[in-house]
């Protein structure tokens, strides 16, 4: 009698693949949790404006040195704030991506799997 498609050694390989996928999913959940707790800091204007973001894409804090506050040049302050926040988010995204690559081995996401 012929073995089914998943019988014999093929069944063992399928089970191993399922276990490996489950472990990867657990590792990804752990990495996502670590990423959500991660903080990233960036500054602009030589440290005049400093932004700290969390891995959940949330601005945690914003520090502005008093000497950079010029009521006659609000636009410069706005530019520094935007630059610091955007750089902090860029760095956080980079860290997040690196963390996930360690879990997935750089294979990217598999739609519908996780």
PDB file of N, CA and C in Angstrom:
ATOM      1  N   UNK A   1       0.842  -1.177   0.000  1.00  0.00           N
ATOM      2  CA  UNK A   1       0.000   0.000   0.000  1.00  0.00           C
ATOM      3  C   UNK A   1       0.885   1.237   0.000  1.00  0.00           C
ATOM      4  N   UNK A   2       0.604   2.179  -0.870  1.00  0.00           N
ATOM      5  CA  UNK A   2       1.420   3.391  -0.988  1.00  0.00           C
ATOM      6  C   UNK A   2       1.145   4.343   0.172  1.00  0.00           C
ATOM      7  N   UNK A   3       2.190   4.999   0.583  1.00  0.00           N
ATOM      8  CA  UNK A   3       2.053   5.971   1.674  1.00  0.00           C
ATOM      9  C   UNK A   3       1.464   7.253   1.130  1.00  0.00           C
ATOM     10  N   UNK A   4       0.716   7.923   1.997  1.00  0.00           N
ATOM     11  CA  UNK A   4       0.115   9.205   1.627  1.00  0.00           C
ATOM     12  C   UNK A   4       1.179  10.268   1.415  1.00  0.00           C
ATOM     13  N   UNK A   5       0.733  11.397   0.929  1.00  0.00           N
ATOM     14  CA  UNK A   5       1.633  12.494   0.615  1.00  0.00           C
ATOM     15  C   UNK A   5       2.470  12.916   1.823  1.00  0.00           C
ATOM     16  N   UNK A   6       1.878  12.843   3.037  1.00  0.00           N
ATOM     17  CA  UNK A   6       2.588  13.292   4.221  1.00  0.00           C
ATOM     18  C   UNK A   6       3.001  12.131   5.121  1.00  0.00           C
ATOM     19  N   UNK A   7       2.975  10.911   4.609  1.00  0.00           N
ATOM     20  CA  UNK A   7       3.354   9.749   5.397  1.00  0.00           C
ATOM     21  C   UNK A   7       4.864   9.584   5.436  1.00  0.00           C
ATOM     22  N   UNK A   8       5.309   8.686   6.244  1.00  0.00           N
ATOM     23  CA  UNK A   8       6.733   8.361   6.305  1.00  0.00           C
ATOM     24  C   UNK A   8       7.581   9.557   6.701  1.00  0.00           C
ATOM     25  N   UNK A   9       8.726   9.693   6.086  1.00  0.00           N
ATOM     26  CA  UNK A   9       9.669  10.763   6.404  1.00  0.00           C
ATOM     27  C   UNK A   9       9.082  12.143   6.094  1.00  0.00           C
ATOM     28  N   UNK A  10       8.224  12.230   5.087  1.00  0.00           N
ATOM     29  CA  UNK A  10       7.604  13.515   4.757  1.00  0.00           C
ATOM     30  C   UNK A  10       6.805  14.065   5.925  1.00  0.00           C
ATOM     31  N   UNK A  11       6.113  13.172   6.666  1.00  0.00           N
ATOM     32  CA  UNK A  11       5.346  13.584   7.838  1.00  0.00           C
ATOM     33  C   UNK A  11       6.247  14.145   8.918  1.00  0.00           C
ATOM     34  N   UNK A  12       7.401  13.554   9.099  1.00  0.00           N
ATOM     35  CA  UNK A  12       8.352  14.041  10.100  1.00  0.00           C
ATOM     36  C   UNK A  12       8.861  15.423   9.705  1.00  0.00           C
ATOM     37  N   UNK A  13       9.124  15.619   8.427  1.00  0.00           N
ATOM     38  CA  UNK A  13       9.605  16.918   7.963  1.00  0.00           C
ATOM     39  C   UNK A  13       8.532  17.982   8.157  1.00  0.00           C
ATOM     40  N   UNK A  14       7.284  17.631   7.912  1.00  0.00           N
ATOM     41  CA  UNK A  14       6.183  18.579   8.077  1.00  0.00           C
ATOM     42  C   UNK A  14       6.045  18.962   9.543  1.00  0.00           C
ATOM     43  N   UNK A  15       6.150  17.961  10.441  1.00  0.00           N
ATOM     44  CA  UNK A  15       6.059  18.240  11.871  1.00  0.00           C
ATOM     45  C   UNK A  15       7.207  19.154  12.313  1.00  0.00           C
ATOM     46  N   UNK A  16       8.380  18.895  11.818  1.00  0.00           N
ATOM     47  CA  UNK A  16       9.545  19.725  12.165  1.00  0.00           C
ATOM     48  C   UNK A  16       9.348  21.154  11.660  1.00  0.00           C
ATOM     49  N   UNK A  17       8.790  21.277  10.472  1.00  0.00           N
ATOM     50  CA  UNK A  17       8.542  22.612   9.917  1.00  0.00           C
ATOM     51  C   UNK A  17       7.509  23.363  10.756  1.00  0.00           C
ATOM     52  N   UNK A  18       6.479  22.658  11.192  1.00  0.00           N
ATOM     53  CA  UNK A  18       5.438  23.283  12.021  1.00  0.00           C
ATOM     54  C   UNK A  18       6.027  23.736  13.346  1.00  0.00           C
ATOM     55  N   UNK A  19       6.843  22.869  13.969  1.00  0.00           N
ATOM     56  CA  UNK A  19       7.481  23.240  15.235  1.00  0.00           C
ATOM     57  C   UNK A  19       8.403  24.439  15.048  1.00  0.00           C
ATOM     58  N   UNK A  20       9.131  24.454  13.945  1.00  0.00           N
ATOM     59  CA  UNK A  20      10.034  25.570  13.667  1.00  0.00           C
ATOM     60  C   UNK A  20       9.240  26.866  13.467  1.00  0.00           C
ATOM     61  N   UNK A  21       8.126  26.786  12.767  1.00  0.00           N
ATOM     62  CA  UNK A  21       7.283  27.969  12.547  1.00  0.00           C
ATOM     63  C   UNK A  21       6.681  28.469  13.862  1.00  0.00           C
ATOM     64  N   UNK A  22       6.280  27.539  14.722  1.00  0.00           N
ATOM     65  CA  UNK A  22       5.730  27.932  16.025  1.00  0.00           C
ATOM     66  C   UNK A  22       6.794  28.610  16.886  1.00  0.00           C
ATOM     67  N   UNK A  23       8.019  28.088  16.845  1.00  0.00           N
ATOM     68  CA  UNK A  23       9.101  28.698  17.614  1.00  0.00           C
ATOM     69  C   UNK A  23       9.399  30.090  17.061  1.00  0.00           C
ATOM     70  N   UNK A  24       9.412  30.226  15.751  1.00  0.00           N
ATOM     71  CA  UNK A  24       9.671  31.523  15.142  1.00  0.00           C
ATOM     72  C   UNK A  24       8.578  32.514  15.547  1.00  0.00           C
ATOM     73  N   UNK A  25       7.351  32.063  15.579  1.00  0.00           N
ATOM     74  CA  UNK A  25       6.246  32.935  15.975  1.00  0.00           C
ATOM     75  C   UNK A  25       6.428  33.391  17.423  1.00  0.00           C
ATOM     76  N   UNK A  26       6.807  32.482  18.310  1.00  0.00           N
ATOM     77  CA  UNK A  26       7.062  32.846  19.709  1.00  0.00           C
ATOM     78  C   UNK A  26       8.216  33.841  19.807  1.00  0.00           C
ATOM     79  N   UNK A  27       9.275  33.595  19.043  1.00  0.00           N
ATOM     80  CA  UNK A  27      10.429  34.504  19.041  1.00  0.00           C
ATOM     81  C   UNK A  27      10.035  35.880  18.522  1.00  0.00           C
ATOM     82  N   UNK A  28       9.165  35.905  17.509  1.00  0.00           N
ATOM     83  CA  UNK A  28       8.712  37.184  16.958  1.00  0.00           C
ATOM     84  C   UNK A  28       7.883  37.954  17.984  1.00  0.00           C
ATOM     85  N   UNK A  29       7.040  37.262  18.739  1.00  0.00           N
ATOM     86  CA  UNK A  29       6.252  37.925  19.773  1.00  0.00           C
ATOM     87  C   UNK A  29       7.152  38.513  20.848  1.00  0.00           C
ATOM     88  N   UNK A  30       8.188  37.774  21.236  1.00  0.00           N
ATOM     89  CA  UNK A  30       9.148  38.274  22.223  1.00  0.00           C
ATOM     90  C   UNK A  30       9.879  39.503  21.673  1.00  0.00           C
ATOM     91  N   UNK A  31      10.279  39.440  20.413  1.00  0.00           N
ATOM     92  CA  UNK A  31      10.986  40.563  19.794  1.00  0.00           C
ATOM     93  C   UNK A  31      10.075  41.782  19.710  1.00  0.00           C
ATOM     94  N   UNK A  32       8.805  41.570  19.357  1.00  0.00           N
ATOM     95  CA  UNK A  32       7.855  42.687  19.283  1.00  0.00           C
ATOM     96  C   UNK A  32       7.656  43.324  20.645  1.00  0.00           C
ATOM     97  N   UNK A  33       7.621  42.511  21.687  1.00  0.00           N
ATOM     98  CA  UNK A  33       7.481  43.044  23.051  1.00  0.00           C
ATOM     99  C   UNK A  33       8.705  43.875  23.421  1.00  0.00           C
ATOM    100  N   UNK A  34       9.891  43.360  23.097  1.00  0.00           N
ATOM    101  CA  UNK A  34      11.125  44.095  23.388  1.00  0.00           C
ATOM    102  C   UNK A  34      11.168  45.401  22.602  1.00  0.00           C
ATOM    103  N   UNK A  35      10.717  45.360  21.358  1.00  0.00           N
ATOM    104  CA  UNK A  35      10.693  46.560  20.526  1.00  0.00           C
ATOM    105  C   UNK A  35       9.753  47.599  21.121  1.00  0.00           C
ATOM    106  N   UNK A  36       8.609  47.170  21.634  1.00  0.00           N
ATOM    107  CA  UNK A  36       7.640  48.122  22.186  1.00  0.00           C
ATOM    108  C   UNK A  36       8.197  48.829  23.419  1.00  0.00           C
ATOM    109  N   UNK A  37       9.132  48.192  24.122  1.00  0.00           N
ATOM    110  CA  UNK A  37       9.730  48.791  25.306  1.00  0.00           C
ATOM    111  C   UNK A  37      10.997  49.587  24.985  1.00  0.00           C
ATOM    112  N   UNK A  38      11.514  49.446  23.778  1.00  0.00           N
ATOM    113  CA  UNK A  38      12.739  50.103  23.366  1.00  0.00           C
ATOM    114  C   UNK A  38      12.542  51.622  23.273  1.00  0.00           C
ATOM    115  N   UNK A  39      13.561  52.370  23.667  1.00  0.00           N
ATOM    116  CA  UNK A  39      13.536  53.818  23.524  1.00  0.00           C
ATOM    117  C   UNK A  39      14.680  54.236  22.614  1.00  0.00           C
ATOM    118  N   UNK A  40      14.409  55.236  21.778  1.00  0.00           N
ATOM    119  CA  UNK A  40      15.414  55.754  20.868  1.00  0.00           C
ATOM    120  C   UNK A  40      15.428  57.265  21.002  1.00  0.00           C
ATOM    121  N   UNK A  41      16.622  57.814  21.018  1.00  0.00           N
ATOM    122  CA  UNK A  41      16.794  59.255  21.203  1.00  0.00           C
ATOM    123  C   UNK A  41      17.520  59.848  20.000  1.00  0.00           C
ATOM    124  N   UNK A  42      17.105  61.051  19.608  1.00  0.00           N
ATOM    125  CA  UNK A  42      17.797  61.785  18.554  1.00  0.00           C
ATOM    126  C   UNK A  42      17.716  63.264  18.888  1.00  0.00           C
ATOM    127  N   UNK A  43      18.668  64.013  18.348  1.00  0.00           N
ATOM    128  CA  UNK A  43      18.659  65.454  18.602  1.00  0.00           C
ATOM    129  C   UNK A  43      18.907  66.210  17.313  1.00  0.00           C
ATOM    130  N   UNK A  44      18.622  67.499  17.366  1.00  0.00           N
ATOM    131  CA  UNK A  44      18.843  68.391  16.222  1.00  0.00           C
ATOM    132  C   UNK A  44      19.383  69.713  16.752  1.00  0.00           C
ATOM    133  N   UNK A  45      20.023  70.461  15.867  1.00  0.00           N
ATOM    134  CA  UNK A  45      20.563  71.757  16.265  1.00  0.00           C
ATOM    135  C   UNK A  45      21.656  71.637  17.296  1.00  0.00           C
ATOM    136  N   UNK A  46      22.503  70.626  17.159  1.00  0.00           N
ATOM    137  CA  UNK A  46      23.601  70.446  18.106  1.00  0.00           C
ATOM    138  C   UNK A  46      23.126  70.134  19.513  1.00  0.00           C
ATOM    139  N   UNK A  47      21.985  69.484  19.638  1.00  0.00           N
ATOM    140  CA  UNK A  47      21.450  69.118  20.938  1.00  0.00           C
ATOM    141  C   UNK A  47      20.451  70.127  21.484  1.00  0.00           C
ATOM    142  N   UNK A  48      20.118  71.146  20.684  1.00  0.00           N
ATOM    143  CA  UNK A  48      19.158  72.163  21.131  1.00  0.00           C
ATOM    144  C   UNK A  48      17.768  71.570  21.325  1.00  0.00           C
ATOM    145  N   UNK A  49      17.434  70.555  20.509  1.00  0.00           N
ATOM    146  CA  UNK A  49      16.148  69.874  20.619  1.00  0.00           C
ATOM    147  C   UNK A  49      16.433  68.377  20.657  1.00  0.00           C
ATOM    148  N   UNK A  50      15.859  67.704  21.649  1.00  0.00           N
ATOM    149  CA  UNK A  50      16.073  66.263  21.802  1.00  0.00           C
ATOM    150  C   UNK A  50      14.714  65.571  21.887  1.00  0.00           C
ATOM    151  N   UNK A  51      14.552  64.507  21.109  1.00  0.00           N
ATOM    152  CA  UNK A  51      13.313  63.727  21.114  1.00  0.00           C
ATOM    153  C   UNK A  51      13.626  62.292  21.508  1.00  0.00           C
ATOM    154  N   UNK A  52      12.748  61.712  22.333  1.00  0.00           N
ATOM    155  CA  UNK A  52      12.852  60.306  22.710  1.00  0.00           C
ATOM    156  C   UNK A  52      11.543  59.647  22.298  1.00  0.00           C
ATOM    157  N   UNK A  53      11.657  58.566  21.511  1.00  0.00           N
ATOM    158  CA  UNK A  53      10.478  57.824  21.069  1.00  0.00           C
ATOM    159  C   UNK A  53      10.566  56.397  21.579  1.00  0.00           C
ATOM    160  N   UNK A  54       9.396  55.783  21.726  1.00  0.00           N
ATOM    161  CA  UNK A  54       9.323  54.378  22.101  1.00  0.00           C
ATOM    162  C   UNK A  54       9.111  53.565  20.840  1.00  0.00           C
ATOM    163  N   UNK A  55       9.427  52.283  20.938  1.00  0.00           N
ATOM    164  CA  UNK A  55       9.290  51.390  19.792  1.00  0.00           C
ATOM    165  C   UNK A  55       7.865  51.270  19.291  1.00  0.00           C
ATOM    166  N   UNK A  56       6.905  51.721  20.071  1.00  0.00           N
ATOM    167  CA  UNK A  56       5.503  51.678  19.654  1.00  0.00           C
ATOM    168  C   UNK A  56       5.139  52.905  18.827  1.00  0.00           C
ATOM    169  N   UNK A  57       6.163  53.598  18.317  1.00  0.00           N
ATOM    170  CA  UNK A  57       5.959  54.818  17.526  1.00  0.00           C
ATOM    171  C   UNK A  57       5.214  55.887  18.310  1.00  0.00           C
ATOM    172  N   UNK A  58       5.629  56.046  19.561  1.00  0.00           N
ATOM    173  CA  UNK A  58       5.050  57.048  20.433  1.00  0.00           C
ATOM    174  C   UNK A  58       6.147  57.995  20.875  1.00  0.00           C
ATOM    175  N   UNK A  59       5.896  59.287  20.761  1.00  0.00           N
ATOM    176  CA  UNK A  59       6.832  60.283  21.256  1.00  0.00           C
ATOM    177  C   UNK A  59       6.755  60.273  22.773  1.00  0.00           C
ATOM    178  N   UNK A  60       7.859  59.934  23.434  1.00  0.00           N
ATOM    179  CA  UNK A  60       7.867  59.827  24.896  1.00  0.00           C
ATOM    180  C   UNK A  60       8.223  61.158  25.542  1.00  0.00           C
ATOM    181  N   UNK A  61       9.224  61.846  24.984  1.00  0.00           N
ATOM    182  CA  UNK A  61       9.604  63.133  25.552  1.00  0.00           C
ATOM    183  C   UNK A  61      10.232  64.022  24.491  1.00  0.00           C
ATOM    184  N   UNK A  62      10.157  65.298  24.750  1.00  0.00           N
ATOM    185  CA  UNK A  62      10.722  66.308  23.862  1.00  0.00           C
ATOM    186  C   UNK A  62      11.353  67.373  24.746  1.00  0.00           C
ATOM    187  N   UNK A  63      12.627  67.606  24.535  1.00  0.00           N
ATOM    188  CA  UNK A  63      13.352  68.588  25.326  1.00  0.00           C
ATOM    189  C   UNK A  63      13.835  69.707  24.406  1.00  0.00           C
ATOM    190  N   UNK A  64      13.559  70.946  24.799  1.00  0.00           N
ATOM    191  CA  UNK A  64      13.979  72.108  24.017  1.00  0.00           C
ATOM    192  C   UNK A  64      14.797  73.004  24.940  1.00  0.00           C
ATOM    193  N   UNK A  65      16.045  73.282  24.556  1.00  0.00           N
ATOM    194  CA  UNK A  65      16.901  74.169  25.355  1.00  0.00           C
ATOM    195  C   UNK A  65      16.338  75.586  25.278  1.00  0.00           C
ATOM    196  N   UNK A  66      16.257  76.268  26.397  1.00  0.00           N
ATOM    197  CA  UNK A  66      15.671  77.620  26.423  1.00  0.00           C
ATOM    198  C   UNK A  66      16.348  78.600  25.456  1.00  0.00           C
ATOM    199  N   UNK A  67      17.652  78.467  25.253  1.00  0.00           N
ATOM    200  CA  UNK A  67      18.369  79.412  24.399  1.00  0.00           C
ATOM    201  C   UNK A  67      17.988  79.318  22.924  1.00  0.00           C
ATOM    202  N   UNK A  68      17.330  78.243  22.522  1.00  0.00           N
ATOM    203  CA  UNK A  68      16.932  78.100  21.127  1.00  0.00           C
ATOM    204  C   UNK A  68      15.543  78.703  20.872  1.00  0.00           C
ATOM    205  N   UNK A  69      14.840  79.059  21.946  1.00  0.00           N
ATOM    206  CA  UNK A  69      13.506  79.634  21.813  1.00  0.00           C
ATOM    207  C   UNK A  69      13.641  81.131  21.494  1.00  0.00           C
ATOM    208  N   UNK A  70      13.322  81.473  20.265  1.00  0.00           N
ATOM    209  CA  UNK A  70      13.381  82.867  19.801  1.00  0.00           C
ATOM    210  C   UNK A  70      12.007  83.204  19.229  1.00  0.00           C
ATOM    211  N   UNK A  71      11.242  84.058  19.906  1.00  0.00           N
ATOM    212  CA  UNK A  71       9.894  84.382  19.425  1.00  0.00           C
ATOM    213  C   UNK A  71       9.879  84.976  18.021  1.00  0.00           C
ATOM    214  N   UNK A  72      11.012  85.509  17.579  1.00  0.00           N
ATOM    215  CA  UNK A  72      11.086  86.087  16.237  1.00  0.00           C
ATOM    216  C   UNK A  72      11.458  85.047  15.177  1.00  0.00           C
ATOM    217  N   UNK A  73      11.764  83.821  15.611  1.00  0.00           N
ATOM    218  CA  UNK A  73      12.136  82.774  14.655  1.00  0.00           C
ATOM    219  C   UNK A  73      11.509  81.436  15.058  1.00  0.00           C
ATOM    220  N   UNK A  74      10.213  81.415  15.153  1.00  0.00           N
ATOM    221  CA  UNK A  74       9.473  80.196  15.512  1.00  0.00           C
ATOM    222  C   UNK A  74       9.677  79.114  14.459  1.00  0.00           C
ATOM    223  N   UNK A  75       9.815  79.504  13.226  1.00  0.00           N
ATOM    224  CA  UNK A  75       9.980  78.533  12.132  1.00  0.00           C
ATOM    225  C   UNK A  75      11.229  77.681  12.329  1.00  0.00           C
ATOM    226  N   UNK A  76      12.333  78.278  12.777  1.00  0.00           N
ATOM    227  CA  UNK A  76      13.555  77.513  13.010  1.00  0.00           C
ATOM    228  C   UNK A  76      13.321  76.479  14.118  1.00  0.00           C
ATOM    229  N   UNK A  77      12.642  76.870  15.167  1.00  0.00           N
ATOM    230  CA  UNK A  77      12.350  75.945  16.262  1.00  0.00           C
ATOM    231  C   UNK A  77      11.467  74.795  15.772  1.00  0.00           C
ATOM    232  N   UNK A  78      10.483  75.109  14.974  1.00  0.00           N
ATOM    233  CA  UNK A  78       9.619  74.067  14.419  1.00  0.00           C
ATOM    234  C   UNK A  78      10.429  73.091  13.573  1.00  0.00           C
ATOM    235  N   UNK A  79      11.341  73.602  12.777  1.00  0.00           N
ATOM    236  CA  UNK A  79      12.184  72.745  11.940  1.00  0.00           C
ATOM    237  C   UNK A  79      13.070  71.831  12.786  1.00  0.00           C
ATOM    238  N   UNK A  80      13.629  72.382  13.874  1.00  0.00           N
ATOM    239  CA  UNK A  80      14.475  71.574  14.753  1.00  0.00           C
ATOM    240  C   UNK A  80      13.667  70.473  15.442  1.00  0.00           C
ATOM    241  N   UNK A  81      12.468  70.814  15.879  1.00  0.00           N
ATOM    242  CA  UNK A  81      11.600  69.833  16.534  1.00  0.00           C
ATOM    243  C   UNK A  81      11.259  68.706  15.560  1.00  0.00           C
ATOM    244  N   UNK A  82      10.848  69.076  14.359  1.00  0.00           N
ATOM    245  CA  UNK A  82      10.523  68.059  13.347  1.00  0.00           C
ATOM    246  C   UNK A  82      11.730  67.189  13.021  1.00  0.00           C
ATOM    247  N   UNK A  83      12.893  67.810  12.877  1.00  0.00           N
ATOM    248  CA  UNK A  83      14.101  67.054  12.545  1.00  0.00           C
ATOM    249  C   UNK A  83      14.442  66.050  13.646  1.00  0.00           C
ATOM    250  N   UNK A  84      14.367  66.469  14.892  1.00  0.00           N
ATOM    251  CA  UNK A  84      14.698  65.569  16.007  1.00  0.00           C
ATOM    252  C   UNK A  84      13.704  64.410  16.093  1.00  0.00           C
ATOM    253  N   UNK A  85      12.422  64.717  15.983  1.00  0.00           N
ATOM    254  CA  UNK A  85      11.397  63.671  16.077  1.00  0.00           C
ATOM    255  C   UNK A  85      11.501  62.695  14.913  1.00  0.00           C
ATOM    256  N   UNK A  86      11.630  63.208  13.708  1.00  0.00           N
ATOM    257  CA  UNK A  86      11.723  62.325  12.541  1.00  0.00           C
ATOM    258  C   UNK A  86      12.962  61.435  12.600  1.00  0.00           C
ATOM    259  N   UNK A  87      14.082  61.981  13.065  1.00  0.00           N
ATOM    260  CA  UNK A  87      15.300  61.175  13.175  1.00  0.00           C
ATOM    261  C   UNK A  87      15.137  60.100  14.247  1.00  0.00           C
ATOM    262  N   UNK A  88      14.509  60.435  15.356  1.00  0.00           N
ATOM    263  CA  UNK A  88      14.275  59.438  16.402  1.00  0.00           C
ATOM    264  C   UNK A  88      13.394  58.304  15.879  1.00  0.00           C
ATOM    265  N   UNK A  89      12.345  58.639  15.144  1.00  0.00           N
ATOM    266  CA  UNK A  89      11.478  57.602  14.575  1.00  0.00           C
ATOM    267  C   UNK A  89      12.226  56.767  13.531  1.00  0.00           C
ATOM    268  N   UNK A  90      13.067  57.397  12.734  1.00  0.00           N
ATOM    269  CA  UNK A  90      13.846  56.667  11.728  1.00  0.00           C
ATOM    270  C   UNK A  90      14.780  55.668  12.409  1.00  0.00           C
ATOM    271  N   UNK A  91      15.464  56.124  13.463  1.00  0.00           N
ATOM    272  CA  UNK A  91      16.375  55.248  14.189  1.00  0.00           C
ATOM    273  C   UNK A  91      15.623  54.106  14.872  1.00  0.00           C
ATOM    274  N   UNK A  92      14.456  54.408  15.441  1.00  0.00           N
ATOM    275  CA  UNK A  92      13.640  53.377  16.095  1.00  0.00           C
ATOM    276  C   UNK A  92      13.199  52.328  15.072  1.00  0.00           C
ATOM    277  N   UNK A  93      12.813  52.783  13.898  1.00  0.00           N
ATOM    278  CA  UNK A  93      12.389  51.859  12.844  1.00  0.00           C
ATOM    279  C   UNK A  93      13.554  50.959  12.421  1.00  0.00           C
ATOM    280  N   UNK A  94      14.730  51.548  12.321  1.00  0.00           N
ATOM    281  CA  UNK A  94      15.927  50.795  11.961  1.00  0.00           C
ATOM    282  C   UNK A  94      16.224  49.716  13.008  1.00  0.00           C
ATOM    283  N   UNK A  95      16.165  50.095  14.288  1.00  0.00           N
ATOM    284  CA  UNK A  95      16.404  49.132  15.373  1.00  0.00           C
ATOM    285  C   UNK A  95      15.372  48.015  15.337  1.00  0.00           C
ATOM    286  N   UNK A  96      14.122  48.389  15.124  1.00  0.00           N
ATOM    287  CA  UNK A  96      13.037  47.415  15.074  1.00  0.00           C
ATOM    288  C   UNK A  96      13.264  46.418  13.942  1.00  0.00           C
ATOM    289  N   UNK A  97      13.621  46.935  12.796  1.00  0.00           N
ATOM    290  CA  UNK A  97      13.857  46.085  11.626  1.00  0.00           C
ATOM    291  C   UNK A  97      15.011  45.117  11.887  1.00  0.00           C
ATOM    292  N   UNK A  98      16.076  45.612  12.520  1.00  0.00           N
ATOM    293  CA  UNK A  98      17.217  44.754  12.830  1.00  0.00           C
ATOM    294  C   UNK A  98      16.820  43.656  13.811  1.00  0.00           C
ATOM    295  N   UNK A  99      16.008  43.999  14.808  1.00  0.00           N
ATOM    296  CA  UNK A  99      15.555  43.007  15.781  1.00  0.00           C
ATOM    297  C   UNK A  99      14.745  41.914  15.107  1.00  0.00           C
ATOM    298  N   UNK A 100      13.843  42.295  14.227  1.00  0.00           N
ATOM    299  CA  UNK A 100      13.004  41.304  13.549  1.00  0.00           C
ATOM    300  C   UNK A 100      13.825  40.446  12.590  1.00  0.00           C
ATOM    301  N   UNK A 101      14.844  41.026  11.956  1.00  0.00           N
ATOM    302  CA  UNK A 101      15.692  40.242  11.049  1.00  0.00           C
ATOM    303  C   UNK A 101      16.443  39.160  11.809  1.00  0.00           C
ATOM    304  N   UNK A 102      16.802  39.450  13.065  1.00  0.00           N
ATOM    305  CA  UNK A 102      17.483  38.433  13.872  1.00  0.00           C
ATOM    306  C   UNK A 102      16.566  37.242  14.104  1.00  0.00           C
ATOM    307  N   UNK A 103      15.278  37.501  14.263  1.00  0.00           N
ATOM    308  CA  UNK A 103      14.319  36.418  14.514  1.00  0.00           C
ATOM    309  C   UNK A 103      14.015  35.659  13.232  1.00  0.00           C
ATOM    310  N   UNK A 104      13.793  36.391  12.142  1.00  0.00           N
ATOM    311  CA  UNK A 104      13.363  35.747  10.895  1.00  0.00           C
ATOM    312  C   UNK A 104      14.526  35.319  10.007  1.00  0.00           C
ATOM    313  N   UNK A 105      15.736  35.683  10.403  1.00  0.00           N
ATOM    314  CA  UNK A 105      16.881  35.347   9.563  1.00  0.00           C
ATOM    315  C   UNK A 105      16.887  36.165   8.289  1.00  0.00           C
ATOM    316  N   UNK A 106      16.201  37.313   8.303  1.00  0.00           N
ATOM    317  CA  UNK A 106      16.184  38.202   7.152  1.00  0.00           C
ATOM    318  C   UNK A 106      15.245  37.770   6.042  1.00  0.00           C
ATOM    319  N   UNK A 107      14.393  36.753   6.305  1.00  0.00           N
ATOM    320  CA  UNK A 107      13.528  36.265   5.224  1.00  0.00           C
ATOM    321  C   UNK A 107      12.288  37.118   5.023  1.00  0.00           C
ATOM    322  N   UNK A 108      12.098  38.127   5.883  1.00  0.00           N
ATOM    323  CA  UNK A 108      10.929  38.989   5.723  1.00  0.00           C
ATOM    324  C   UNK A 108       9.686  38.349   6.290  1.00  0.00           C
ATOM    325  N   UNK A 109       8.580  39.005   6.093  1.00  0.00           N
ATOM    326  CA  UNK A 109       7.330  38.467   6.650  1.00  0.00           C
ATOM    327  C   UNK A 109       6.659  37.555   5.626  1.00  0.00           C
ATOM    328  N   UNK A 110       5.932  36.619   6.149  1.00  0.00           N
ATOM    329  CA  UNK A 110       5.169  35.703   5.314  1.00  0.00           C
ATOM    330  C   UNK A 110       3.719  36.030   5.544  1.00  0.00           C
ATOM    331  N   UNK A 111       3.034  36.636   4.565  1.00  0.00           N
ATOM    332  CA  UNK A 111       1.653  37.058   4.754  1.00  0.00           C
ATOM    333  C   UNK A 111       0.758  35.926   5.248  1.00  0.00           C
ATOM    334  N   UNK A 112      -0.006  36.210   6.291  1.00  0.00           N
ATOM    335  CA  UNK A 112      -0.955  35.249   6.807  1.00  0.00           C
ATOM    336  C   UNK A 112      -0.368  34.230   7.777  1.00  0.00           C
ATOM    337  N   UNK A 113       0.973  34.187   7.898  1.00  0.00           N
ATOM    338  CA  UNK A 113       1.587  33.197   8.780  1.00  0.00           C
ATOM    339  C   UNK A 113       1.619  33.694  10.214  1.00  0.00           C
ATOM    340  N   UNK A 114       1.939  34.972  10.421  1.00  0.00           N
ATOM    341  CA  UNK A 114       2.059  35.494  11.785  1.00  0.00           C
ATOM    342  C   UNK A 114       1.172  36.700  11.972  1.00  0.00           C
TER     343      UNK A 114
END
